[in-house]
Amino acid sequence: MLHDQKVVVVMPAYNAAQTLARTHAEVIAQQIADLIIVVDDASHDETVAIARNLDRVQVKVHPQNLGYGANQKTCYQLALAAGADIVVMIHPDYQYTPRLLPAMASLVASGLYP
């Protein structure tokens, strides 16, 4: 929670087994994510098995690769269905540091940005 708002982190995943646990650990370390949603887009590695063993993670698996745009849509749909007030996308391939999560969520929680 951040300012009494539910924060959901979404991770559109594809073959992210090597970096998923590290990314997840940094998200958890920020102490504001209420839920993490990993949507796997038919990976060929152990992404799903790793995701299913992580704390506070909901996993959705696409049975076939639908592409990045469809993966994002699924992420956002699931976050909204989970009652998210704030949704932040963090790529599980460690494209950028999850340490930015508090700053990104705070922009929305402050009411300055929708």
PDB file of N, CA and C in Angstrom:
ATOM      1  N   MET A   1       0.844  -1.189   0.000  1.00  0.00           N
ATOM      2  CA  MET A   1       0.000   0.000   0.000  1.00  0.00           C
ATOM      3  C   MET A   1       0.884   1.246   0.000  1.00  0.00           C
ATOM      4  N   LEU A   2       0.381   2.220  -0.681  1.00  0.00           N
ATOM      5  CA  LEU A   2       1.043   3.517  -0.707  1.00  0.00           C
ATOM      6  C   LEU A   2      -0.051   4.564  -0.596  1.00  0.00           C
ATOM      7  N   HIS A   3      -0.075   5.317   0.490  1.00  0.00           N
ATOM      8  CA  HIS A   3      -1.121   6.308   0.742  1.00  0.00           C
ATOM      9  C   HIS A   3      -2.507   5.669   0.633  1.00  0.00           C
ATOM     10  N   ASP A   4      -2.658   4.501   1.242  1.00  0.00           N
ATOM     11  CA  ASP A   4      -3.914   3.746   1.247  1.00  0.00           C
ATOM     12  C   ASP A   4      -4.377   3.336  -0.140  1.00  0.00           C
ATOM     13  N   GLN A   5      -3.461   3.221  -1.078  1.00  0.00           N
ATOM     14  CA  GLN A   5      -3.787   2.783  -2.427  1.00  0.00           C
ATOM     15  C   GLN A   5      -3.077   1.458  -2.704  1.00  0.00           C
ATOM     16  N   LYS A   6      -3.820   0.519  -3.290  1.00  0.00           N
ATOM     17  CA  LYS A   6      -3.264  -0.797  -3.591  1.00  0.00           C
ATOM     18  C   LYS A   6      -2.331  -0.697  -4.797  1.00  0.00           C
ATOM     19  N   VAL A   7      -1.091  -1.150  -4.585  1.00  0.00           N
ATOM     20  CA  VAL A   7      -0.077  -1.105  -5.637  1.00  0.00           C
ATOM     21  C   VAL A   7       0.129  -2.513  -6.183  1.00  0.00           C
ATOM     22  N   VAL A   8      -0.079  -2.659  -7.484  1.00  0.00           N
ATOM     23  CA  VAL A   8       0.143  -3.932  -8.157  1.00  0.00           C
ATOM     24  C   VAL A   8       1.246  -3.740  -9.189  1.00  0.00           C
ATOM     25  N   VAL A   9       2.246  -4.603  -9.100  1.00  0.00           N
ATOM     26  CA  VAL A   9       3.340  -4.607 -10.067  1.00  0.00           C
ATOM     27  C   VAL A   9       3.047  -5.699 -11.081  1.00  0.00           C
ATOM     28  N   VAL A  10       3.113  -5.352 -12.353  1.00  0.00           N
ATOM     29  CA  VAL A  10       2.897  -6.341 -13.404  1.00  0.00           C
ATOM     30  C   VAL A  10       4.208  -6.588 -14.134  1.00  0.00           C
ATOM     31  N   MET A  11       4.417  -7.854 -14.490  1.00  0.00           N
ATOM     32  CA  MET A  11       5.626  -8.261 -15.189  1.00  0.00           C
ATOM     33  C   MET A  11       5.257  -9.089 -16.412  1.00  0.00           C
ATOM     34  N   PRO A  12       5.360  -8.507 -17.607  1.00  0.00           N
ATOM     35  CA  PRO A  12       5.138  -9.286 -18.822  1.00  0.00           C
ATOM     36  C   PRO A  12       6.396 -10.108 -19.111  1.00  0.00           C
ATOM     37  N   ALA A  13       6.301 -11.419 -18.978  1.00  0.00           N
ATOM     38  CA  ALA A  13       7.490 -12.267 -19.028  1.00  0.00           C
ATOM     39  C   ALA A  13       7.568 -13.121 -20.284  1.00  0.00           C
ATOM     40  N   TYR A  14       8.776 -13.248 -20.770  1.00  0.00           N
ATOM     41  CA  TYR A  14       9.067 -14.187 -21.857  1.00  0.00           C
ATOM     42  C   TYR A  14      10.524 -14.609 -21.707  1.00  0.00           C
ATOM     43  N   ASN A  15      10.718 -15.863 -21.377  1.00  0.00           N
ATOM     44  CA  ASN A  15      12.063 -16.426 -21.178  1.00  0.00           C
ATOM     45  C   ASN A  15      12.880 -15.572 -20.211  1.00  0.00           C
ATOM     46  N   ALA A  16      12.314 -15.328 -19.049  1.00  0.00           N
ATOM     47  CA  ALA A  16      12.947 -14.469 -18.045  1.00  0.00           C
ATOM     48  C   ALA A  16      13.481 -15.264 -16.850  1.00  0.00           C
ATOM     49  N   ALA A  17      13.708 -16.546 -17.014  1.00  0.00           N
ATOM     50  CA  ALA A  17      14.122 -17.386 -15.889  1.00  0.00           C
ATOM     51  C   ALA A  17      15.402 -16.906 -15.219  1.00  0.00           C
ATOM     52  N   GLN A  18      16.329 -16.385 -15.979  1.00  0.00           N
ATOM     53  CA  GLN A  18      17.619 -15.994 -15.412  1.00  0.00           C
ATOM     54  C   GLN A  18      17.543 -14.736 -14.546  1.00  0.00           C
ATOM     55  N   THR A  19      16.554 -13.897 -14.758  1.00  0.00           N
ATOM     56  CA  THR A  19      16.509 -12.616 -14.058  1.00  0.00           C
ATOM     57  C   THR A  19      15.255 -12.409 -13.205  1.00  0.00           C
ATOM     58  N   LEU A  20      14.285 -13.280 -13.327  1.00  0.00           N
ATOM     59  CA  LEU A  20      13.006 -13.089 -12.640  1.00  0.00           C
ATOM     60  C   LEU A  20      13.149 -13.032 -11.121  1.00  0.00           C
ATOM     61  N   ALA A  21      13.863 -13.949 -10.522  1.00  0.00           N
ATOM     62  CA  ALA A  21      13.991 -13.970  -9.063  1.00  0.00           C
ATOM     63  C   ALA A  21      14.692 -12.711  -8.552  1.00  0.00           C
ATOM     64  N   ARG A  22      15.719 -12.266  -9.240  1.00  0.00           N
ATOM     65  CA  ARG A  22      16.434 -11.048  -8.835  1.00  0.00           C
ATOM     66  C   ARG A  22      15.506  -9.833  -8.919  1.00  0.00           C
ATOM     67  N   THR A  23      14.780  -9.732 -10.024  1.00  0.00           N
ATOM     68  CA  THR A  23      13.856  -8.615 -10.191  1.00  0.00           C
ATOM     69  C   THR A  23      12.788  -8.639  -9.110  1.00  0.00           C
ATOM     70  N   HIS A  24      12.220  -9.809  -8.859  1.00  0.00           N
ATOM     71  CA  HIS A  24      11.201  -9.974  -7.830  1.00  0.00           C
ATOM     72  C   HIS A  24      11.738  -9.552  -6.463  1.00  0.00           C
ATOM     73  N   ALA A  25      12.931  -9.983  -6.127  1.00  0.00           N
ATOM     74  CA  ALA A  25      13.524  -9.645  -4.823  1.00  0.00           C
ATOM     75  C   ALA A  25      13.652  -8.134  -4.651  1.00  0.00           C
ATOM     76  N   GLU A  26      14.028  -7.443  -5.708  1.00  0.00           N
ATOM     77  CA  GLU A  26      14.138  -5.985  -5.615  1.00  0.00           C
ATOM     78  C   GLU A  26      12.777  -5.315  -5.514  1.00  0.00           C
ATOM     79  N   VAL A  27      11.772  -5.869  -6.178  1.00  0.00           N
ATOM     80  CA  VAL A  27      10.411  -5.322  -6.051  1.00  0.00           C
ATOM     81  C   VAL A  27       9.947  -5.473  -4.606  1.00  0.00           C
ATOM     82  N   ILE A  28      10.104  -6.647  -4.042  1.00  0.00           N
ATOM     83  CA  ILE A  28       9.696  -6.900  -2.665  1.00  0.00           C
ATOM     84  C   ILE A  28      10.448  -5.981  -1.706  1.00  0.00           C
ATOM     85  N   ALA A  29      11.720  -5.752  -1.966  1.00  0.00           N
ATOM     86  CA  ALA A  29      12.544  -4.914  -1.093  1.00  0.00           C
ATOM     87  C   ALA A  29      12.048  -3.468  -1.006  1.00  0.00           C
ATOM     88  N   GLN A  30      11.292  -3.024  -1.994  1.00  0.00           N
ATOM     89  CA  GLN A  30      10.776  -1.647  -1.988  1.00  0.00           C
ATOM     90  C   GLN A  30       9.610  -1.487  -1.014  1.00  0.00           C
ATOM     91  N   GLN A  31       9.019  -2.584  -0.576  1.00  0.00           N
ATOM     92  CA  GLN A  31       7.981  -2.633   0.455  1.00  0.00           C
ATOM     93  C   GLN A  31       6.716  -1.837   0.138  1.00  0.00           C
ATOM     94  N   ILE A  32       6.351  -1.728  -1.116  1.00  0.00           N
ATOM     95  CA  ILE A  32       5.072  -1.067  -1.427  1.00  0.00           C
ATOM     96  C   ILE A  32       4.172  -1.894  -2.332  1.00  0.00           C
ATOM     97  N   ALA A  33       4.668  -2.987  -2.896  1.00  0.00           N
ATOM     98  CA  ALA A  33       3.845  -3.811  -3.798  1.00  0.00           C
ATOM     99  C   ALA A  33       2.952  -4.735  -2.983  1.00  0.00           C
ATOM    100  N   ASP A  34       1.668  -4.632  -3.216  1.00  0.00           N
ATOM    101  CA  ASP A  34       0.715  -5.517  -2.558  1.00  0.00           C
ATOM    102  C   ASP A  34       0.597  -6.843  -3.288  1.00  0.00           C
ATOM    103  N   LEU A  35       0.809  -6.808  -4.584  1.00  0.00           N
ATOM    104  CA  LEU A  35       0.685  -7.995  -5.429  1.00  0.00           C
ATOM    105  C   LEU A  35       1.594  -7.820  -6.630  1.00  0.00           C
ATOM    106  N   ILE A  36       2.160  -8.934  -7.083  1.00  0.00           N
ATOM    107  CA  ILE A  36       2.956  -8.950  -8.306  1.00  0.00           C
ATOM    108  C   ILE A  36       2.286  -9.938  -9.248  1.00  0.00           C
ATOM    109  N   ILE A  37       2.021  -9.508 -10.452  1.00  0.00           N
ATOM    110  CA  ILE A  37       1.403 -10.374 -11.455  1.00  0.00           C
ATOM    111  C   ILE A  37       2.417 -10.643 -12.559  1.00  0.00           C
ATOM    112  N   VAL A  38       2.715 -11.912 -12.763  1.00  0.00           N
ATOM    113  CA  VAL A  38       3.614 -12.320 -13.840  1.00  0.00           C
ATOM    114  C   VAL A  38       2.760 -12.974 -14.916  1.00  0.00           C
ATOM    115  N   VAL A  39       2.808 -12.431 -16.115  1.00  0.00           N
ATOM    116  CA  VAL A  39       2.109 -13.033 -17.248  1.00  0.00           C
ATOM    117  C   VAL A  39       3.174 -13.593 -18.178  1.00  0.00           C
ATOM    118  N   ASP A  40       3.202 -14.919 -18.273  1.00  0.00           N
ATOM    119  CA  ASP A  40       4.183 -15.589 -19.117  1.00  0.00           C
ATOM    120  C   ASP A  40       3.611 -15.795 -20.511  1.00  0.00           C
ATOM    121  N   ASP A  41       4.363 -15.387 -21.500  1.00  0.00           N
ATOM    122  CA  ASP A  41       3.906 -15.456 -22.891  1.00  0.00           C
ATOM    123  C   ASP A  41       4.497 -16.674 -23.601  1.00  0.00           C
ATOM    124  N   ALA A  42       4.219 -17.855 -23.037  1.00  0.00           N
ATOM    125  CA  ALA A  42       4.643 -19.139 -23.611  1.00  0.00           C
ATOM    126  C   ALA A  42       6.163 -19.261 -23.676  1.00  0.00           C
ATOM    127  N   SER A  43       6.810 -19.000 -22.550  1.00  0.00           N
ATOM    128  CA  SER A  43       8.267 -19.127 -22.482  1.00  0.00           C
ATOM    129  C   SER A  43       8.720 -20.559 -22.719  1.00  0.00           C
ATOM    130  N   HIS A  44       9.973 -20.689 -23.137  1.00  0.00           N
ATOM    131  CA  HIS A  44      10.575 -22.002 -23.377  1.00  0.00           C
ATOM    132  C   HIS A  44      11.563 -22.375 -22.278  1.00  0.00           C
ATOM    133  N   ASP A  45      11.626 -21.565 -21.229  1.00  0.00           N
ATOM    134  CA  ASP A  45      12.542 -21.841 -20.132  1.00  0.00           C
ATOM    135  C   ASP A  45      11.739 -22.071 -18.846  1.00  0.00           C
ATOM    136  N   GLU A  46      12.343 -21.898 -17.702  1.00  0.00           N
ATOM    137  CA  GLU A  46      11.715 -22.183 -16.419  1.00  0.00           C
ATOM    138  C   GLU A  46      11.019 -20.970 -15.789  1.00  0.00           C
ATOM    139  N   THR A  47      10.668 -19.985 -16.593  1.00  0.00           N
ATOM    140  CA  THR A  47      10.045 -18.776 -16.069  1.00  0.00           C
ATOM    141  C   THR A  47       8.820 -19.088 -15.213  1.00  0.00           C
ATOM    142  N   VAL A  48       7.935 -19.912 -15.691  1.00  0.00           N
ATOM    143  CA  VAL A  48       6.692 -20.207 -14.963  1.00  0.00           C
ATOM    144  C   VAL A  48       6.973 -20.927 -13.654  1.00  0.00           C
ATOM    145  N   ALA A  49       7.840 -21.910 -13.672  1.00  0.00           N
ATOM    146  CA  ALA A  49       8.164 -22.663 -12.452  1.00  0.00           C
ATOM    147  C   ALA A  49       8.762 -21.740 -11.396  1.00  0.00           C
ATOM    148  N   ILE A  50       9.628 -20.842 -11.809  1.00  0.00           N
ATOM    149  CA  ILE A  50      10.229 -19.897 -10.866  1.00  0.00           C
ATOM    150  C   ILE A  50       9.167 -18.953 -10.329  1.00  0.00           C
ATOM    151  N   ALA A  51       8.346 -18.397 -11.208  1.00  0.00           N
ATOM    152  CA  ALA A  51       7.309 -17.439 -10.793  1.00  0.00           C
ATOM    153  C   ALA A  51       6.352 -18.056  -9.788  1.00  0.00           C
ATOM    154  N   ARG A  52       6.005 -19.298  -9.970  1.00  0.00           N
ATOM    155  CA  ARG A  52       5.044 -19.957  -9.074  1.00  0.00           C
ATOM    156  C   ARG A  52       5.603 -20.178  -7.670  1.00  0.00           C
ATOM    157  N   ASN A  53       6.896 -20.030  -7.499  1.00  0.00           N
ATOM    158  CA  ASN A  53       7.512 -20.219  -6.188  1.00  0.00           C
ATOM    159  C   ASN A  53       7.904 -18.910  -5.519  1.00  0.00           C
ATOM    160  N   LEU A  54       7.485 -17.796  -6.074  1.00  0.00           N
ATOM    161  CA  LEU A  54       7.825 -16.492  -5.512  1.00  0.00           C
ATOM    162  C   LEU A  54       6.687 -15.952  -4.653  1.00  0.00           C
ATOM    163  N   ASP A  55       7.039 -15.210  -3.632  1.00  0.00           N
ATOM    164  CA  ASP A  55       6.094 -14.642  -2.688  1.00  0.00           C
ATOM    165  C   ASP A  55       5.248 -13.536  -3.316  1.00  0.00           C
ATOM    166  N   ARG A  56       3.960 -13.535  -2.984  1.00  0.00           N
ATOM    167  CA  ARG A  56       3.013 -12.498  -3.418  1.00  0.00           C
ATOM    168  C   ARG A  56       2.874 -12.403  -4.934  1.00  0.00           C
ATOM    169  N   VAL A  57       2.996 -13.521  -5.631  1.00  0.00           N
ATOM    170  CA  VAL A  57       2.938 -13.518  -7.096  1.00  0.00           C
ATOM    171  C   VAL A  57       1.726 -14.302  -7.583  1.00  0.00           C
ATOM    172  N   GLN A  58       1.001 -13.684  -8.486  1.00  0.00           N
ATOM    173  CA  GLN A  58      -0.083 -14.343  -9.226  1.00  0.00           C
ATOM    174  C   GLN A  58       0.481 -14.615 -10.616  1.00  0.00           C
ATOM    175  N   VAL A  59       0.319 -15.827 -11.105  1.00  0.00           N
ATOM    176  CA  VAL A  59       0.888 -16.206 -12.401  1.00  0.00           C
ATOM    177  C   VAL A  59      -0.226 -16.520 -13.385  1.00  0.00           C
ATOM    178  N   LYS A  60      -0.102 -15.980 -14.566  1.00  0.00           N
ATOM    179  CA  LYS A  60      -0.996 -16.287 -15.690  1.00  0.00           C
ATOM    180  C   LYS A  60      -0.097 -16.736 -16.834  1.00  0.00           C
ATOM    181  N   VAL A  61      -0.468 -17.808 -17.504  1.00  0.00           N
ATOM    182  CA  VAL A  61       0.331 -18.336 -18.605  1.00  0.00           C
ATOM    183  C   VAL A  61      -0.480 -18.296 -19.892  1.00  0.00           C
ATOM    184  N   HIS A  62       0.061 -17.632 -20.894  1.00  0.00           N
ATOM    185  CA  HIS A  62      -0.542 -17.707 -22.227  1.00  0.00           C
ATOM    186  C   HIS A  62      -0.132 -19.049 -22.834  1.00  0.00           C
ATOM    187  N   PRO A  63      -1.084 -19.833 -23.347  1.00  0.00           N
ATOM    188  CA  PRO A  63      -0.741 -21.136 -23.909  1.00  0.00           C
ATOM    189  C   PRO A  63       0.083 -21.047 -25.199  1.00  0.00           C
ATOM    190  N   GLN A  64      -0.006 -19.905 -25.856  1.00  0.00           N
ATOM    191  CA  GLN A  64       0.831 -19.667 -27.045  1.00  0.00           C
ATOM    192  C   GLN A  64       1.304 -18.226 -26.987  1.00  0.00           C
ATOM    193  N   ASN A  65       2.387 -17.942 -27.646  1.00  0.00           N
ATOM    194  CA  ASN A  65       2.969 -16.606 -27.623  1.00  0.00           C
ATOM    195  C   ASN A  65       2.041 -15.649 -28.359  1.00  0.00           C
ATOM    196  N   LEU A  66       1.578 -14.635 -27.647  1.00  0.00           N
ATOM    197  CA  LEU A  66       0.668 -13.648 -28.225  1.00  0.00           C
ATOM    198  C   LEU A  66       1.357 -12.329 -28.537  1.00  0.00           C
ATOM    199  N   GLY A  67       2.608 -12.205 -28.113  1.00  0.00           N
ATOM    200  CA  GLY A  67       3.349 -10.981 -28.367  1.00  0.00           C
ATOM    201  C   GLY A  67       3.287 -10.021 -27.191  1.00  0.00           C
ATOM    202  N   TYR A  68       4.200  -9.062 -27.212  1.00  0.00           N
ATOM    203  CA  TYR A  68       4.375  -8.134 -26.104  1.00  0.00           C
ATOM    204  C   TYR A  68       3.125  -7.297 -25.822  1.00  0.00           C
ATOM    205  N   GLY A  69       2.475  -6.792 -26.861  1.00  0.00           N
ATOM    206  CA  GLY A  69       1.283  -5.964 -26.665  1.00  0.00           C
ATOM    207  C   GLY A  69       0.161  -6.720 -25.984  1.00  0.00           C
ATOM    208  N   ALA A  70      -0.084  -7.936 -26.413  1.00  0.00           N
ATOM    209  CA  ALA A  70      -1.133  -8.751 -25.798  1.00  0.00           C
ATOM    210  C   ALA A  70      -0.757  -9.112 -24.364  1.00  0.00           C
ATOM    211  N   ASN A  71       0.526  -9.336 -24.127  1.00  0.00           N
ATOM    212  CA  ASN A  71       0.978  -9.645 -22.777  1.00  0.00           C
ATOM    213  C   ASN A  71       0.712  -8.456 -21.849  1.00  0.00           C
ATOM    214  N   GLN A  72       1.022  -7.259 -22.321  1.00  0.00           N
ATOM    215  CA  GLN A  72       0.745  -6.060 -21.533  1.00  0.00           C
ATOM    216  C   GLN A  72      -0.749  -5.937 -21.219  1.00  0.00           C
ATOM    217  N   LYS A  73      -1.579  -6.160 -22.210  1.00  0.00           N
ATOM    218  CA  LYS A  73      -3.024  -6.063 -21.995  1.00  0.00           C
ATOM    219  C   LYS A  73      -3.484  -7.033 -20.918  1.00  0.00           C
ATOM    220  N   THR A  74      -2.980  -8.265 -20.970  1.00  0.00           N
ATOM    221  CA  THR A  74      -3.349  -9.245 -19.950  1.00  0.00           C
ATOM    222  C   THR A  74      -2.893  -8.780 -18.579  1.00  0.00           C
ATOM    223  N   CYS A  75      -1.678  -8.248 -18.500  1.00  0.00           N
ATOM    224  CA  CYS A  75      -1.158  -7.724 -17.225  1.00  0.00           C
ATOM    225  C   CYS A  75      -2.098  -6.683 -16.639  1.00  0.00           C
ATOM    226  N   TYR A  76      -2.468  -5.708 -17.449  1.00  0.00           N
ATOM    227  CA  TYR A  76      -3.311  -4.620 -16.957  1.00  0.00           C
ATOM    228  C   TYR A  76      -4.715  -5.100 -16.603  1.00  0.00           C
ATOM    229  N   GLN A  77      -5.270  -6.008 -17.394  1.00  0.00           N
ATOM    230  CA  GLN A  77      -6.594  -6.551 -17.086  1.00  0.00           C
ATOM    231  C   GLN A  77      -6.594  -7.263 -15.735  1.00  0.00           C
ATOM    232  N   LEU A  78      -5.565  -8.067 -15.494  1.00  0.00           N
ATOM    233  CA  LEU A  78      -5.480  -8.800 -14.230  1.00  0.00           C
ATOM    234  C   LEU A  78      -5.260  -7.856 -13.050  1.00  0.00           C
ATOM    235  N   ALA A  79      -4.458  -6.825 -13.255  1.00  0.00           N
ATOM    236  CA  ALA A  79      -4.216  -5.855 -12.176  1.00  0.00           C
ATOM    237  C   ALA A  79      -5.505  -5.136 -11.796  1.00  0.00           C
ATOM    238  N   LEU A  80      -6.258  -4.712 -12.802  1.00  0.00           N
ATOM    239  CA  LEU A  80      -7.522  -4.039 -12.520  1.00  0.00           C
ATOM    240  C   LEU A  80      -8.520  -4.988 -11.856  1.00  0.00           C
ATOM    241  N   ALA A  81      -8.545  -6.248 -12.305  1.00  0.00           N
ATOM    242  CA  ALA A  81      -9.437  -7.240 -11.697  1.00  0.00           C
ATOM    243  C   ALA A  81      -9.052  -7.512 -10.242  1.00  0.00           C
ATOM    244  N   ALA A  82      -7.775  -7.324  -9.911  1.00  0.00           N
ATOM    245  CA  ALA A  82      -7.297  -7.531  -8.541  1.00  0.00           C
ATOM    246  C   ALA A  82      -7.538  -6.311  -7.658  1.00  0.00           C
ATOM    247  N   GLY A  83      -8.125  -5.264  -8.226  1.00  0.00           N
ATOM    248  CA  GLY A  83      -8.454  -4.079  -7.440  1.00  0.00           C
ATOM    249  C   GLY A  83      -7.324  -3.074  -7.304  1.00  0.00           C
ATOM    250  N   ALA A  84      -6.416  -3.061  -8.252  1.00  0.00           N
ATOM    251  CA  ALA A  84      -5.284  -2.137  -8.191  1.00  0.00           C
ATOM    252  C   ALA A  84      -5.736  -0.687  -8.301  1.00  0.00           C
ATOM    253  N   ASP A  85      -5.160   0.145  -7.452  1.00  0.00           N
ATOM    254  CA  ASP A  85      -5.320   1.589  -7.578  1.00  0.00           C
ATOM    255  C   ASP A  85      -4.165   2.162  -8.401  1.00  0.00           C
ATOM    256  N   ILE A  86      -2.998   1.542  -8.242  1.00  0.00           N
ATOM    257  CA  ILE A  86      -1.788   1.954  -8.953  1.00  0.00           C
ATOM    258  C   ILE A  86      -1.177   0.710  -9.572  1.00  0.00           C
ATOM    259  N   VAL A  87      -0.865   0.781 -10.855  1.00  0.00           N
ATOM    260  CA  VAL A  87      -0.229  -0.332 -11.556  1.00  0.00           C
ATOM    261  C   VAL A  87       1.097   0.166 -12.108  1.00  0.00           C
ATOM    262  N   VAL A  88       2.157  -0.588 -11.813  1.00  0.00           N
ATOM    263  CA  VAL A  88       3.478  -0.255 -12.332  1.00  0.00           C
ATOM    264  C   VAL A  88       4.026  -1.489 -13.042  1.00  0.00           C
ATOM    265  N   MET A  89       4.469  -1.302 -14.277  1.00  0.00           N
ATOM    266  CA  MET A  89       5.080  -2.397 -15.019  1.00  0.00           C
ATOM    267  C   MET A  89       6.582  -2.405 -14.753  1.00  0.00           C
ATOM    268  N   ILE A  90       7.066  -3.546 -14.346  1.00  0.00           N
ATOM    269  CA  ILE A  90       8.494  -3.774 -14.166  1.00  0.00           C
ATOM    270  C   ILE A  90       8.850  -4.987 -15.027  1.00  0.00           C
ATOM    271  N   HIS A  91       9.776  -4.821 -15.923  1.00  0.00           N
ATOM    272  CA  HIS A  91      10.159  -5.939 -16.793  1.00  0.00           C
ATOM    273  C   HIS A  91      11.014  -6.947 -16.028  1.00  0.00           C
ATOM    274  N   PRO A  92      10.636  -8.224 -16.060  1.00  0.00           N
ATOM    275  CA  PRO A  92      11.367  -9.231 -15.291  1.00  0.00           C
ATOM    276  C   PRO A  92      12.739  -9.578 -15.867  1.00  0.00           C
ATOM    277  N   ASP A  93      13.069  -9.003 -17.006  1.00  0.00           N
ATOM    278  CA  ASP A  93      14.402  -9.238 -17.579  1.00  0.00           C
ATOM    279  C   ASP A  93      15.405  -8.207 -17.076  1.00  0.00           C
ATOM    280  N   TYR A  94      14.997  -7.455 -16.049  1.00  0.00           N
ATOM    281  CA  TYR A  94      15.832  -6.442 -15.417  1.00  0.00           C
ATOM    282  C   TYR A  94      16.234  -5.355 -16.406  1.00  0.00           C
ATOM    283  N   GLN A  95      15.272  -4.973 -17.234  1.00  0.00           N
ATOM    284  CA  GLN A  95      15.490  -3.917 -18.222  1.00  0.00           C
ATOM    285  C   GLN A  95      15.798  -2.584 -17.537  1.00  0.00           C
ATOM    286  N   TYR A  96      15.165  -2.363 -16.390  1.00  0.00           N
ATOM    287  CA  TYR A  96      15.481  -1.219 -15.548  1.00  0.00           C
ATOM    288  C   TYR A  96      15.276  -1.644 -14.099  1.00  0.00           C
ATOM    289  N   THR A  97      15.892  -0.933 -13.201  1.00  0.00           N
ATOM    290  CA  THR A  97      15.889  -1.346 -11.803  1.00  0.00           C
ATOM    291  C   THR A  97      14.528  -1.172 -11.125  1.00  0.00           C
ATOM    292  N   PRO A  98      14.101  -2.170 -10.379  1.00  0.00           N
ATOM    293  CA  PRO A  98      12.872  -2.042  -9.591  1.00  0.00           C
ATOM    294  C   PRO A  98      12.995  -1.026  -8.458  1.00  0.00           C
ATOM    295  N   ARG A  99      14.191  -0.529  -8.195  1.00  0.00           N
ATOM    296  CA  ARG A  99      14.350   0.499  -7.170  1.00  0.00           C
ATOM    297  C   ARG A  99      13.636   1.791  -7.559  1.00  0.00           C
ATOM    298  N   LEU A 100      13.230   1.919  -8.825  1.00  0.00           N
ATOM    299  CA  LEU A 100      12.460   3.079  -9.276  1.00  0.00           C
ATOM    300  C   LEU A 100      10.975   2.962  -8.918  1.00  0.00           C
ATOM    301  N   LEU A 101      10.551   1.807  -8.454  1.00  0.00           N
ATOM    302  CA  LEU A 101       9.143   1.563  -8.150  1.00  0.00           C
ATOM    303  C   LEU A 101       8.538   2.593  -7.184  1.00  0.00           C
ATOM    304  N   PRO A 102       9.168   2.917  -6.063  1.00  0.00           N
ATOM    305  CA  PRO A 102       8.559   3.916  -5.172  1.00  0.00           C
ATOM    306  C   PRO A 102       8.365   5.269  -5.850  1.00  0.00           C
ATOM    307  N   ALA A 103       9.329   5.692  -6.641  1.00  0.00           N
ATOM    308  CA  ALA A 103       9.200   6.983  -7.322  1.00  0.00           C
ATOM    309  C   ALA A 103       8.058   6.953  -8.334  1.00  0.00           C
ATOM    310  N   MET A 104       7.980   5.874  -9.111  1.00  0.00           N
ATOM    311  CA  MET A 104       6.924   5.779 -10.122  1.00  0.00           C
ATOM    312  C   MET A 104       5.542   5.726  -9.480  1.00  0.00           C
ATOM    313  N   ALA A 105       5.392   4.908  -8.449  1.00  0.00           N
ATOM    314  CA  ALA A 105       4.095   4.783  -7.785  1.00  0.00           C
ATOM    315  C   ALA A 105       3.722   6.086  -7.066  1.00  0.00           C
ATOM    316  N   SER A 106       4.707   6.771  -6.524  1.00  0.00           N
ATOM    317  CA  SER A 106       4.440   8.012  -5.808  1.00  0.00           C
ATOM    318  C   SER A 106       3.902   9.109  -6.721  1.00  0.00           C
ATOM    319  N   LEU A 107       4.316   9.096  -7.977  1.00  0.00           N
ATOM    320  CA  LEU A 107       3.795  10.086  -8.931  1.00  0.00           C
ATOM    321  C   LEU A 107       2.281   9.964  -9.055  1.00  0.00           C
ATOM    322  N   VAL A 108       1.783   8.745  -9.024  1.00  0.00           N
ATOM    323  CA  VAL A 108       0.341   8.524  -9.124  1.00  0.00           C
ATOM    324  C   VAL A 108      -0.314   8.725  -7.758  1.00  0.00           C
ATOM    325  N   ALA A 109       0.281   8.171  -6.708  1.00  0.00           N
ATOM    326  CA  ALA A 109      -0.310   8.258  -5.362  1.00  0.00           C
ATOM    327  C   ALA A 109      -0.438   9.688  -4.876  1.00  0.00           C
ATOM    328  N   SER A 110       0.433  10.557  -5.336  1.00  0.00           N
ATOM    329  CA  SER A 110       0.400  11.950  -4.902  1.00  0.00           C
ATOM    330  C   SER A 110      -0.802  12.720  -5.431  1.00  0.00           C
ATOM    331  N   GLY A 111      -1.414  12.176  -6.485  1.00  0.00           N
ATOM    332  CA  GLY A 111      -2.552  12.859  -7.097  1.00  0.00           C
ATOM    333  C   GLY A 111      -2.139  13.859  -8.170  1.00  0.00           C
ATOM    334  N   LEU A 112      -0.852  14.050  -8.345  1.00  0.00           N
ATOM    335  CA  LEU A 112      -0.388  14.988  -9.379  1.00  0.00           C
ATOM    336  C   LEU A 112      -0.547  14.420 -10.785  1.00  0.00           C
ATOM    337  N   TYR A 113      -0.447  13.088 -10.893  1.00  0.00           N
ATOM    338  CA  TYR A 113      -0.551  12.437 -12.197  1.00  0.00           C
ATOM    339  C   TYR A 113      -1.561  11.313 -12.101  1.00  0.00           C
ATOM    340  N   PRO A 114      -2.411  11.171 -13.113  1.00  0.00           N
ATOM    341  CA  PRO A 114      -3.398  10.075 -13.085  1.00  0.00           C
ATOM    342  C   PRO A 114      -2.762   8.741 -13.435  1.00  0.00           C
TER     343      PRO A 114
END
